[in-house]
Amino acid sequence: MRLTIDLTDEEVKILKKRGKKNYLKLKEQVEDIIRRSCISIKKNLYISEKFDDNLISIFSRARKGRKRKY
């Protein structure tokens, strides 16, 4: 399957630097990020937040930890 993503030069630079640290090419680094994101959502299926778009629920992170006192 093909997926097209528009990235700025700064984002590509950051991904290449991160990929170099992990000994991965740019494409492999992006695949790894998406794969890890999908795996982490499987662990947290108990989250019952409702979103209009399924992709938002997959790639969004819920706030964790103690609530702030005001």
C-alpha atoms as a PDB file:
ATOM      1  CA  MET A   1       0.000   0.000   0.000  1.00  0.00           C
ATOM      2  CA  ARG A   2       1.188   3.520  -0.748  1.00  0.00           C
ATOM      3  CA  LEU A   3       0.668   6.523   1.456  1.00  0.00           C
ATOM      4  CA  THR A   4       1.683  10.059   0.568  1.00  0.00           C
ATOM      5  CA  ILE A   5       2.657  12.465   3.338  1.00  0.00           C
ATOM      6  CA  ASP A   6       3.707  16.074   2.829  1.00  0.00           C
ATOM      7  CA  LEU A   7       6.553  17.004   5.172  1.00  0.00           C
ATOM      8  CA  THR A   8       8.455  20.243   5.528  1.00  0.00           C
ATOM      9  CA  ASP A   9      12.217  20.322   5.099  1.00  0.00           C
ATOM     10  CA  GLU A  10      12.617  20.753   8.846  1.00  0.00           C
ATOM     11  CA  GLU A  11      10.501  17.666   9.568  1.00  0.00           C
ATOM     12  CA  VAL A  12      12.479  15.606   7.049  1.00  0.00           C
ATOM     13  CA  LYS A  13      15.715  16.786   8.632  1.00  0.00           C
ATOM     14  CA  ILE A  14      14.507  15.717  12.091  1.00  0.00           C
ATOM     15  CA  LEU A  15      13.317  12.324  10.819  1.00  0.00           C
ATOM     16  CA  LYS A  16      16.606  11.690   8.997  1.00  0.00           C
ATOM     17  CA  LYS A  17      18.576  12.564  12.138  1.00  0.00           C
ATOM     18  CA  ARG A  18      16.389  10.253  14.224  1.00  0.00           C
ATOM     19  CA  GLY A  19      16.691   7.508  11.584  1.00  0.00           C
ATOM     20  CA  LYS A  20      20.458   7.857  11.488  1.00  0.00           C
ATOM     21  CA  LYS A  21      20.566   7.351  15.252  1.00  0.00           C
ATOM     22  CA  ASN A  22      18.463   4.173  14.844  1.00  0.00           C
ATOM     23  CA  TYR A  23      20.405   3.001  11.755  1.00  0.00           C
ATOM     24  CA  LEU A  24      17.288   3.354   9.588  1.00  0.00           C
ATOM     25  CA  LYS A  25      16.588   5.119   6.322  1.00  0.00           C
ATOM     26  CA  LEU A  26      13.931   7.835   6.210  1.00  0.00           C
ATOM     27  CA  LYS A  27      11.229   5.508   4.864  1.00  0.00           C
ATOM     28  CA  GLU A  28      12.052   2.831   7.436  1.00  0.00           C
ATOM     29  CA  GLN A  29      11.991   5.398  10.255  1.00  0.00           C
ATOM     30  CA  VAL A  30       8.519   6.631   9.278  1.00  0.00           C
ATOM     31  CA  GLU A  31       7.270   3.042   9.024  1.00  0.00           C
ATOM     32  CA  ASP A  32       8.704   2.319  12.475  1.00  0.00           C
ATOM     33  CA  ILE A  33       6.976   5.355  14.003  1.00  0.00           C
ATOM     34  CA  ILE A  34       3.613   4.367  12.514  1.00  0.00           C
ATOM     35  CA  ARG A  35       4.058   0.722  13.535  1.00  0.00           C
ATOM     36  CA  ARG A  36       4.905   1.671  17.142  1.00  0.00           C
ATOM     37  CA  SER A  37       1.927   4.019  17.270  1.00  0.00           C
ATOM     38  CA  CYS A  38      -0.436   1.279  16.122  1.00  0.00           C
ATOM     39  CA  ILE A  39       0.992  -1.177  18.647  1.00  0.00           C
ATOM     40  CA  SER A  40       0.638   1.286  21.506  1.00  0.00           C
ATOM     41  CA  ILE A  41      -3.022   1.930  20.703  1.00  0.00           C
ATOM     42  CA  LYS A  42      -3.703  -1.808  20.910  1.00  0.00           C
ATOM     43  CA  LYS A  43      -2.387  -1.763  24.489  1.00  0.00           C
ATOM     44  CA  ASN A  44      -4.682   1.116  25.417  1.00  0.00           C
ATOM     45  CA  LEU A  45      -7.977  -0.095  23.971  1.00  0.00           C
ATOM     46  CA  TYR A  46      -9.704   0.599  27.260  1.00  0.00           C
ATOM     47  CA  ILE A  47      -9.692   4.324  26.463  1.00  0.00           C
ATOM     48  CA  SER A  48     -13.298   5.231  25.784  1.00  0.00           C
ATOM     49  CA  GLU A  49     -12.837   8.642  24.187  1.00  0.00           C
ATOM     50  CA  LYS A  50     -15.056   9.184  21.172  1.00  0.00           C
ATOM     51  CA  PHE A  51     -13.702  10.892  18.063  1.00  0.00           C
ATOM     52  CA  ASP A  52     -15.362  11.591  14.745  1.00  0.00           C
ATOM     53  CA  ASP A  53     -12.368  10.271  12.818  1.00  0.00           C
ATOM     54  CA  ASN A  54     -10.734   6.900  13.560  1.00  0.00           C
ATOM     55  CA  LEU A  55      -7.262   8.163  12.606  1.00  0.00           C
ATOM     56  CA  ILE A  56      -7.467  10.857  15.274  1.00  0.00           C
ATOM     57  CA  SER A  57      -8.153   8.235  17.921  1.00  0.00           C
ATOM     58  CA  ILE A  58      -5.218   6.114  16.717  1.00  0.00           C
ATOM     59  CA  PHE A  59      -2.604   8.865  16.656  1.00  0.00           C
ATOM     60  CA  SER A  60      -3.807  10.956  19.619  1.00  0.00           C
ATOM     61  CA  ARG A  61      -2.435  10.563  23.091  1.00  0.00           C
ATOM     62  CA  ALA A  62      -4.539  10.816  26.208  1.00  0.00           C
ATOM     63  CA  ARG A  63      -3.262  12.875  29.115  1.00  0.00           C
ATOM     64  CA  LYS A  64      -1.899  10.678  31.859  1.00  0.00           C
ATOM     65  CA  GLY A  65      -0.849  11.271  35.397  1.00  0.00           C
ATOM     66  CA  ARG A  66      -2.257  13.273  38.249  1.00  0.00           C
ATOM     67  CA  LYS A  67      -4.655  16.096  37.567  1.00  0.00           C
ATOM     68  CA  ARG A  68      -3.423  19.598  38.274  1.00  0.00           C
ATOM     69  CA  LYS A  69      -4.671  21.452  41.331  1.00  0.00           C
ATOM     70  CA  TYR A  70      -5.876  24.964  40.642  1.00  0.00           C
END
